[in-house]
Protein backbone atom coordinates (compact mmCIF):
# COMPACT_ATOMS: atom_id res chain seq x y z
CA MET A 1 60.13 -8.65 18.99
CA ASP A 2 57.66 -6.87 15.62
CA LEU A 3 57.93 -10.71 14.88
CA ILE A 4 56.26 -11.84 17.97
CA VAL A 5 53.44 -9.07 17.58
CA ALA A 6 52.72 -10.21 13.63
CA LEU A 7 52.83 -14.15 14.82
CA ALA A 8 50.43 -12.44 18.00
CA LEU A 9 48.11 -10.62 15.27
CA GLY A 10 47.98 -13.23 13.26
CA VAL A 11 46.68 -15.89 15.78
CA VAL A 12 44.19 -13.26 16.61
CA ALA A 13 43.08 -13.03 12.77
CA LEU A 14 42.38 -16.14 12.79
CA ILE A 15 40.46 -16.65 15.75
CA ALA A 16 38.33 -14.38 14.71
CA GLY A 17 38.24 -15.76 11.19
CA TRP A 18 36.71 -19.10 12.82
CA TRP A 19 34.36 -17.31 14.98
CA ARG A 20 32.92 -15.55 11.72
CA TRP A 21 32.46 -18.67 10.34
CA ARG A 22 31.14 -20.84 12.80
CA ARG A 23 28.81 -17.94 13.73
CA GLY A 24 27.72 -17.44 10.25
CA ALA A 25 27.76 -21.43 9.56
CA ALA A 26 24.82 -21.72 11.73
CA ARG A 27 23.14 -18.24 11.16
CA GLN A 28 22.75 -19.81 6.96
CA ARG A 29 21.20 -23.29 9.32
CA ARG A 30 18.32 -21.21 10.11
CA LEU A 31 18.00 -18.91 7.68
CA MET A 32 17.35 -22.14 5.13
CA LEU A 33 15.04 -23.94 7.73
CA LEU A 34 13.09 -21.10 7.75
CA CYS A 35 13.29 -20.65 4.32
CA GLN A 36 11.87 -23.97 3.99
CA ARG A 37 9.01 -23.69 6.38
CA ALA A 38 7.60 -20.26 4.18
CA GLY A 39 7.65 -22.12 1.31
CA LEU A 40 10.65 -19.87 -0.17
CA ASP A 41 13.79 -20.51 -2.46
CA PHE A 42 16.88 -20.66 -0.65
CA ALA A 43 20.42 -20.86 -1.90
CA PRO A 44 23.75 -20.57 0.23
CA LEU A 45 25.13 -18.90 -2.69
CA ASP A 46 24.37 -16.41 -5.60
CA LEU A 47 23.22 -18.24 -9.03
CA PHE A 48 22.30 -14.73 -10.23
CA GLY A 49 25.50 -12.67 -12.32
CA ASP A 50 23.21 -9.73 -12.30
CA THR A 51 23.78 -8.69 -8.62
CA ALA A 52 27.04 -7.01 -9.71
CA TRP A 53 25.75 -5.47 -12.08
CA LEU A 54 23.45 -3.09 -9.60
CA PRO A 55 24.25 -0.14 -9.98
CA PHE A 56 25.19 1.11 -6.53
CA PRO A 57 28.88 2.05 -5.73
CA MET A 58 29.19 -1.36 -3.50
CA PHE A 59 28.31 -3.78 -6.21
CA GLY A 60 32.45 -2.46 -7.39
CA ARG A 61 34.06 -3.01 -4.41
CA HIS A 62 36.72 -5.63 -4.79
CA PRO A 63 37.05 -8.23 -2.99
CA ASN A 64 33.39 -8.58 -2.10
CA GLY A 65 30.94 -12.04 -1.92
CA THR A 66 27.00 -12.13 -2.28
CA GLU A 67 25.93 -15.19 -0.24
CA ASN A 68 22.19 -16.79 1.32
CA VAL A 69 20.28 -15.63 -1.36
CA VAL A 70 16.23 -15.60 -0.81
CA TRP A 71 13.77 -15.31 -3.41
CA GLU A 72 10.01 -16.84 -4.34
CA ARG A 73 10.46 -19.12 -7.37
CA ALA A 74 6.85 -18.02 -8.03
CA ARG A 75 7.51 -15.04 -8.57
CA GLY A 76 10.90 -14.87 -9.75
CA PRO A 77 14.63 -13.93 -8.92
CA GLU A 78 14.40 -10.34 -9.93
CA VAL A 79 13.10 -9.44 -6.37
CA ARG A 80 15.09 -10.94 -3.92
CA ALA A 81 16.78 -11.25 -0.13
CA PHE A 82 20.93 -11.50 0.03
CA ASP A 83 23.95 -11.17 2.13
CA TYR A 84 26.80 -9.16 0.44
CA TRP A 85 29.79 -8.37 1.72
CA TYR A 86 33.24 -6.50 0.58
CA GLU A 87 36.44 -4.97 2.88
CA GLU A 88 37.08 -1.69 3.26
CA PRO A 89 41.19 -1.15 2.34
CA ALA A 90 43.06 -0.24 5.44
CA GLU A 91 46.84 0.36 5.41
CA GLU A 92 47.14 0.25 8.98
CA ARG A 93 45.80 -2.91 9.72
CA PRO A 94 47.21 -5.72 9.02
CA VAL A 95 43.15 -7.45 8.25
CA ALA A 96 41.16 -5.36 6.03
CA PRO A 97 38.13 -5.18 7.79
CA ARG A 98 34.97 -6.68 5.54
CA ARG A 99 31.35 -4.91 6.22
CA ARG A 100 28.88 -7.56 5.65
CA LEU A 101 25.01 -6.28 5.14
CA THR A 102 21.98 -7.86 4.23
CA CYS A 103 20.04 -6.34 1.24
CA ALA A 104 17.43 -7.04 -1.11
CA ALA A 105 17.02 -6.00 -4.46
CA VAL A 106 13.49 -4.72 -6.69
CA PRO A 107 13.53 -4.24 -10.19
CA LEU A 108 12.12 -0.37 -10.82
CA GLY A 109 11.40 -0.45 -14.96
CA ALA A 110 12.26 3.24 -14.71
CA SER A 111 15.47 5.40 -15.04
CA ALA A 112 16.03 6.96 -12.03
CA ARG A 113 17.99 9.52 -10.52
CA ARG A 114 20.12 8.78 -7.14
CA LEU A 115 17.77 8.82 -4.68
CA ARG A 116 18.36 7.85 -0.96
CA ILE A 117 15.48 7.43 1.87
CA ALA A 118 17.56 6.29 5.13
CA PRO A 119 16.57 6.55 8.97
CA ARG A 120 16.45 9.83 10.20
CA ASP A 121 18.87 9.03 12.98
CA LEU A 122 21.63 8.34 10.18
CA ASP A 123 24.63 10.38 11.57
CA ASP A 124 24.31 13.91 9.95
CA GLU A 125 27.98 13.71 9.34
CA VAL A 126 27.02 10.63 6.52
CA ARG A 127 24.15 13.00 5.34
CA ALA A 128 26.13 15.57 4.25
CA VAL A 129 28.55 13.36 2.53
CA LEU A 130 26.15 12.00 -0.02
CA GLY A 131 25.68 15.14 -0.85
CA LEU A 132 21.57 14.57 -1.63
CA ARG A 133 19.02 17.86 -0.57
CA GLU A 134 16.22 16.90 1.87
CA VAL A 135 12.57 16.38 0.12
CA ARG A 136 10.05 16.67 2.77
CA LEU A 137 7.22 14.68 2.32
CA GLU A 138 3.17 15.33 3.62
CA LEU A 139 3.02 12.25 5.76
CA GLU A 140 4.75 13.31 9.29
CA GLU A 141 4.47 9.88 10.39
CA PHE A 142 7.07 8.87 7.42
CA ASN A 143 9.43 12.16 7.59
CA ARG A 144 9.83 11.53 11.44
CA ARG A 145 10.75 8.73 10.75
CA PHE A 146 13.53 8.81 7.48
CA VAL A 147 15.20 11.72 5.96
CA VAL A 148 14.74 11.82 2.01
CA GLY A 149 17.49 13.21 -0.09
CA SER A 150 17.55 13.20 -3.67
CA GLU A 151 19.14 14.35 -7.07
CA ASP A 152 15.61 15.27 -8.54
CA GLU A 153 12.90 15.92 -5.82
CA ARG A 154 9.83 15.62 -8.82
CA PHE A 155 10.98 11.81 -9.16
CA ALA A 156 11.12 11.82 -5.31
CA ILE A 157 7.34 13.01 -4.98
CA ALA A 158 6.15 10.56 -7.64
CA PHE A 159 8.25 7.42 -6.66
CA LEU A 160 7.06 8.13 -2.72
CA GLU A 161 2.93 8.24 -3.49
CA GLN A 162 1.16 7.23 0.26
CA ARG A 163 0.97 3.27 -0.56
CA MET A 164 5.11 3.26 -1.14
CA MET A 165 5.49 5.38 2.18
CA GLU A 166 3.43 3.14 3.85
CA ALA A 167 5.40 0.03 2.44
CA LEU A 168 8.16 1.35 3.48
CA LEU A 169 7.05 1.92 7.43
CA ALA A 170 7.04 -1.11 7.64
CA LEU A 171 10.73 -1.85 6.84
CA PRO A 172 12.66 -3.33 9.83
CA ASP A 173 14.62 -1.39 11.64
CA GLY A 174 18.11 0.22 10.17
CA VAL A 175 17.17 -0.24 6.97
CA THR A 176 17.90 2.33 3.92
CA VAL A 177 16.59 2.67 0.84
CA ASP A 178 18.29 3.79 -2.53
CA VAL A 179 16.72 4.22 -5.82
CA ASN A 180 19.31 4.28 -8.58
CA GLU A 181 18.59 4.22 -12.22
CA ASP A 182 16.31 0.95 -12.75
CA ALA A 183 16.91 -0.85 -9.30
CA VAL A 184 15.76 -0.46 -5.80
CA LEU A 185 18.17 -1.43 -3.40
CA LEU A 186 17.21 -2.56 0.49
CA SER A 187 20.48 -2.35 3.04
CA ALA A 188 20.83 -2.73 6.15
CA PRO A 189 24.31 -3.70 8.69
CA GLU A 190 23.43 -8.01 8.61
CA LEU A 191 20.76 -9.31 9.83
CA PRO A 192 19.01 -11.55 12.39
CA ALA A 193 17.69 -15.05 10.41
CA GLU A 194 13.80 -13.98 11.20
CA GLN A 195 14.46 -10.47 10.17
CA VAL A 196 15.98 -11.33 6.55
CA LEU A 197 12.05 -12.74 5.51
CA LEU A 198 10.69 -9.38 6.82
CA LEU A 199 13.09 -7.88 4.39
CA TYR A 200 12.04 -9.85 1.63
CA ASP A 201 8.18 -8.98 2.49
CA ALA A 202 9.28 -5.67 2.50
CA ALA A 203 10.94 -5.81 -1.30
CA VAL A 204 8.00 -8.17 -2.13
CA ALA A 205 5.75 -5.20 -1.23
CA ILE A 206 7.41 -2.54 -2.38
CA SER A 207 7.85 -3.87 -5.82
CA GLU A 208 3.82 -4.19 -5.72
CA ARG A 209 3.78 -0.54 -4.75
CA ILE A 210 6.10 1.12 -7.34
CA PRO A 211 3.44 3.75 -9.75
CA ARG A 212 2.68 2.34 -12.51
CA SER A 213 3.44 6.01 -13.94
CA LEU A 214 6.55 6.06 -13.43
CA PRO A 215 7.32 4.00 -17.10
CA SER A 216 6.18 7.12 -18.92
CA LEU A 217 7.11 9.61 -16.73
CA PHE A 218 10.90 8.61 -16.39
CA PRO A 219 11.63 5.96 -19.43
CA PRO A 220 14.04 3.75 -18.73
CA ARG A 221 17.32 3.90 -20.13
CA PRO A 222 17.72 1.57 -23.38
CA THR A 223 19.89 -1.83 -22.71
CA GLU A 224 20.82 -1.37 -26.41
CA GLY A 225 21.85 1.09 -28.69
CA ARG A 226 24.91 3.51 -29.64
CA TYR A 227 25.22 5.33 -27.20
CA GLU A 228 24.09 4.46 -24.11
CA ASP A 229 25.71 4.32 -21.40
CA ARG A 230 26.47 1.37 -19.13
CA TRP A 231 27.35 1.51 -15.48
CA LEU A 232 30.41 -0.96 -14.85
CA GLN A 233 31.50 -1.80 -11.58
CA GLY A 234 29.96 1.08 -9.18
CA ARG A 235 30.85 4.05 -12.05
CA TRP A 236 28.70 4.81 -15.64
CA SER A 237 30.76 4.01 -18.42
CA PRO A 238 32.30 7.50 -19.91
CA ASP A 239 32.31 6.69 -23.44
CA PRO A 240 29.50 5.48 -25.70
CA THR A 241 29.51 1.63 -25.94
CA GLU A 242 29.62 1.40 -29.28
CA ALA A 243 32.10 3.43 -32.20
CA GLN A 244 30.19 5.09 -34.50
CA PRO A 245 29.36 3.60 -38.55
CA GLY A 246 32.72 4.22 -40.20
CA SER A 247 34.57 5.26 -37.64
């Protein structure tokens, strides 16, 4: 009996995998054609090794993968949209559930404390787990749509200038914005191909509206140095990255 159950579960997993592959292939073709029409670059696989080092915990999950990358050659790949997946281990399930997201990355040029801008309909318990204090902004339309949680209220107010809030209000529904260290991450459950381009456009608008005062108010961490911390696949290094001379 146990063997029959195991075989049935295996067949279900194979069918589910085949259906995900077929649906994903059609969406990928659609996204590629849309990029061609819009004059954007497209790669089915991630050509940029720094995606894995984005300073957000989900990029430390294993296994994971990045695919369907969209960027504009003239602007450069620092601003880009992409699909990202990772598996969430579950001992009670024969197949680990795979979470699929559509993301966009924007360089910040500053060093930020953790900030999250989430749709207000996000579950209250989820917001509580994040452990971030809510920050209210002057623009009431923004407060009605988003909940802003931050480890540093001063940074949240400096980042969320009027022009930035206007760019964030243009985001597709369901998109969450996370800011940490030197990067901004937009993420949502996997979007239809047409909305991937909307997310990329929103990322470009955000990159153009990052306040010029941020680098001076919140200087970026040095990329090299004797005692700087390094982001290591989901966490900051607990020890200096270089030994002291003579030690």
